[in-house]
Amino acid sequence: MESDKNKNQPPGEMRAKTPDSCPHCGAPLSPWEQVLLSVDRALMCKRCWYRIILDVFDQESKKDKP
């Protein structure tokens, strides 16, 4: 599910989509956990101990293409 916080940003500054819940067990992430995930790009789920890692290389490869 896409969050509304990415829609309000200018087109050149769109951040990667931060998940609202754990992709492994489906436990909802708190707003603070979503902020940590968007900054650190990695977070451990408190419910199932699954390591959520956002792929940084996707953003860099999109910037390199003309």
N, C-alpha and C. Protein backbone atom coordinates (compact mmCIF):
# COMPACT_ATOMS: atom_id res chain seq x y z
N MET A 1 0.84 -1.17 0.00
CA MET A 1 0.00 0.00 0.00
C MET A 1 0.89 1.24 0.00
N GLU A 2 0.63 2.18 -0.89
CA GLU A 2 1.46 3.37 -1.01
C GLU A 2 1.04 4.40 0.02
N SER A 3 2.03 5.00 0.68
CA SER A 3 1.72 6.00 1.68
C SER A 3 1.56 7.36 1.02
N ASP A 4 0.83 8.27 1.70
CA ASP A 4 0.55 9.59 1.17
C ASP A 4 1.74 10.53 1.29
N LYS A 5 2.72 10.21 2.14
CA LYS A 5 3.82 11.13 2.36
C LYS A 5 4.70 11.28 1.12
N ASN A 6 4.78 10.28 0.24
CA ASN A 6 5.58 10.38 -0.97
C ASN A 6 4.89 11.20 -2.05
N LYS A 7 3.58 11.35 -1.99
CA LYS A 7 2.84 12.07 -3.01
C LYS A 7 3.04 13.58 -2.90
N ASN A 8 3.34 14.09 -1.72
CA ASN A 8 3.47 15.52 -1.50
C ASN A 8 4.84 16.07 -1.84
N GLN A 9 5.80 15.23 -2.17
CA GLN A 9 7.14 15.68 -2.47
C GLN A 9 7.28 16.06 -3.92
N PRO A 10 8.19 17.00 -4.24
CA PRO A 10 8.43 17.35 -5.64
C PRO A 10 8.92 16.13 -6.41
N PRO A 11 8.68 16.09 -7.73
CA PRO A 11 9.01 14.90 -8.53
C PRO A 11 10.47 14.48 -8.45
N GLY A 12 11.41 15.41 -8.36
CA GLY A 12 12.82 15.06 -8.33
C GLY A 12 13.29 14.50 -7.01
N GLU A 13 12.46 14.62 -5.96
CA GLU A 13 12.89 14.21 -4.63
C GLU A 13 12.05 13.06 -4.07
N MET A 14 11.49 12.25 -4.92
CA MET A 14 10.68 11.11 -4.45
C MET A 14 11.58 10.08 -3.81
N ARG A 15 11.24 9.68 -2.60
CA ARG A 15 11.99 8.64 -1.92
C ARG A 15 11.45 7.28 -2.34
N ALA A 16 12.23 6.25 -2.05
CA ALA A 16 11.78 4.89 -2.33
C ALA A 16 10.55 4.61 -1.47
N LYS A 17 9.68 3.78 -1.96
CA LYS A 17 8.46 3.45 -1.22
C LYS A 17 8.83 2.67 0.03
N THR A 18 8.44 3.19 1.17
CA THR A 18 8.70 2.54 2.43
C THR A 18 7.50 1.67 2.78
N PRO A 19 7.72 0.39 3.06
CA PRO A 19 6.57 -0.48 3.37
C PRO A 19 5.88 -0.08 4.66
N ASP A 20 4.56 -0.28 4.70
CA ASP A 20 3.77 0.01 5.89
C ASP A 20 3.74 -1.17 6.86
N SER A 21 4.14 -2.34 6.37
CA SER A 21 4.13 -3.54 7.20
C SER A 21 5.29 -4.44 6.82
N CYS A 22 5.58 -5.40 7.67
CA CYS A 22 6.65 -6.36 7.42
C CYS A 22 6.28 -7.24 6.23
N PRO A 23 7.16 -7.35 5.23
CA PRO A 23 6.83 -8.18 4.06
C PRO A 23 6.81 -9.67 4.40
N HIS A 24 7.37 -10.06 5.53
CA HIS A 24 7.44 -11.48 5.91
C HIS A 24 6.22 -11.93 6.70
N CYS A 25 5.88 -11.19 7.77
CA CYS A 25 4.78 -11.62 8.64
C CYS A 25 3.55 -10.71 8.56
N GLY A 26 3.70 -9.52 7.96
CA GLY A 26 2.56 -8.62 7.81
C GLY A 26 2.29 -7.72 9.00
N ALA A 27 3.17 -7.76 10.01
CA ALA A 27 2.97 -6.90 11.17
C ALA A 27 3.12 -5.44 10.77
N PRO A 28 2.21 -4.57 11.21
CA PRO A 28 2.30 -3.16 10.82
C PRO A 28 3.52 -2.49 11.45
N LEU A 29 4.17 -1.61 10.68
CA LEU A 29 5.29 -0.84 11.19
C LEU A 29 4.77 0.48 11.72
N SER A 30 5.29 0.90 12.86
CA SER A 30 4.88 2.18 13.43
C SER A 30 5.44 3.31 12.56
N PRO A 31 4.86 4.50 12.68
CA PRO A 31 5.40 5.63 11.91
C PRO A 31 6.89 5.86 12.18
N TRP A 32 7.32 5.67 13.41
CA TRP A 32 8.72 5.85 13.75
C TRP A 32 9.59 4.79 13.06
N GLU A 33 9.12 3.55 13.01
CA GLU A 33 9.86 2.49 12.32
C GLU A 33 9.95 2.78 10.82
N GLN A 34 8.91 3.36 10.24
CA GLN A 34 8.94 3.71 8.82
C GLN A 34 9.97 4.81 8.55
N VAL A 35 10.09 5.77 9.47
CA VAL A 35 11.10 6.81 9.33
C VAL A 35 12.49 6.20 9.42
N LEU A 36 12.70 5.34 10.40
CA LEU A 36 14.01 4.69 10.54
C LEU A 36 14.35 3.88 9.30
N LEU A 37 13.38 3.19 8.76
CA LEU A 37 13.61 2.38 7.56
C LEU A 37 13.95 3.26 6.37
N SER A 38 13.30 4.40 6.25
CA SER A 38 13.59 5.28 5.11
C SER A 38 14.97 5.92 5.23
N VAL A 39 15.46 6.12 6.45
CA VAL A 39 16.77 6.74 6.66
C VAL A 39 17.88 5.70 6.64
N ASP A 40 17.73 4.66 7.42
CA ASP A 40 18.79 3.65 7.56
C ASP A 40 18.77 2.59 6.47
N ARG A 41 17.62 2.45 5.77
CA ARG A 41 17.44 1.48 4.68
C ARG A 41 17.41 0.04 5.18
N ALA A 42 17.42 -0.18 6.50
CA ALA A 42 17.34 -1.53 7.06
C ALA A 42 16.67 -1.47 8.43
N LEU A 43 15.90 -2.50 8.74
CA LEU A 43 15.17 -2.54 10.01
C LEU A 43 14.86 -3.99 10.34
N MET A 44 14.85 -4.33 11.62
CA MET A 44 14.51 -5.67 12.07
C MET A 44 13.06 -5.66 12.59
N CYS A 45 12.23 -6.56 12.07
CA CYS A 45 10.85 -6.67 12.53
C CYS A 45 10.84 -7.17 13.97
N LYS A 46 10.06 -6.50 14.82
CA LYS A 46 9.99 -6.90 16.22
C LYS A 46 9.18 -8.17 16.43
N ARG A 47 8.33 -8.51 15.49
CA ARG A 47 7.47 -9.68 15.65
C ARG A 47 8.13 -10.98 15.21
N CYS A 48 8.74 -10.98 13.99
CA CYS A 48 9.28 -12.23 13.47
C CYS A 48 10.80 -12.19 13.30
N TRP A 49 11.44 -11.09 13.63
CA TRP A 49 12.89 -10.91 13.54
C TRP A 49 13.39 -10.99 12.10
N TYR A 50 12.52 -10.68 11.14
CA TYR A 50 12.91 -10.65 9.74
C TYR A 50 13.64 -9.33 9.47
N ARG A 51 14.75 -9.40 8.75
CA ARG A 51 15.52 -8.20 8.44
C ARG A 51 14.98 -7.57 7.16
N ILE A 52 14.39 -6.39 7.29
CA ILE A 52 13.84 -5.66 6.16
C ILE A 52 14.94 -4.74 5.64
N ILE A 53 15.36 -4.96 4.40
CA ILE A 53 16.42 -4.16 3.79
C ILE A 53 15.89 -3.58 2.49
N LEU A 54 15.94 -2.26 2.37
CA LEU A 54 15.55 -1.60 1.13
C LEU A 54 16.77 -1.53 0.22
N ASP A 55 16.59 -1.86 -1.03
CA ASP A 55 17.70 -1.91 -1.97
C ASP A 55 18.11 -0.50 -2.40
N VAL A 56 19.30 -0.09 -2.01
CA VAL A 56 19.80 1.24 -2.32
C VAL A 56 20.23 1.32 -3.78
N PHE A 57 20.66 0.23 -4.35
CA PHE A 57 21.18 0.23 -5.71
C PHE A 57 20.10 0.53 -6.75
N ASP A 58 18.84 0.31 -6.46
CA ASP A 58 17.77 0.63 -7.40
C ASP A 58 17.72 2.13 -7.67
N GLN A 59 17.86 2.95 -6.64
CA GLN A 59 17.82 4.39 -6.80
C GLN A 59 19.04 4.88 -7.56
N GLU A 60 20.22 4.36 -7.26
CA GLU A 60 21.44 4.81 -7.92
C GLU A 60 21.43 4.45 -9.40
N SER A 61 20.93 3.28 -9.76
CA SER A 61 20.92 2.88 -11.17
C SER A 61 19.93 3.73 -11.96
N LYS A 62 18.84 4.19 -11.35
CA LYS A 62 17.89 5.04 -12.04
C LYS A 62 18.48 6.42 -12.30
N LYS A 63 19.33 6.91 -11.39
CA LYS A 63 19.95 8.22 -11.56
C LYS A 63 21.00 8.18 -12.67
N ASP A 64 21.69 7.05 -12.86
CA ASP A 64 22.74 6.95 -13.85
C ASP A 64 22.21 6.92 -15.27
N LYS A 65 21.00 6.46 -15.48
CA LYS A 65 20.44 6.35 -16.82
C LYS A 65 20.00 7.73 -17.33
N PRO A 66 20.29 8.06 -18.59
CA PRO A 66 19.90 9.38 -19.12
C PRO A 66 18.41 9.48 -19.38
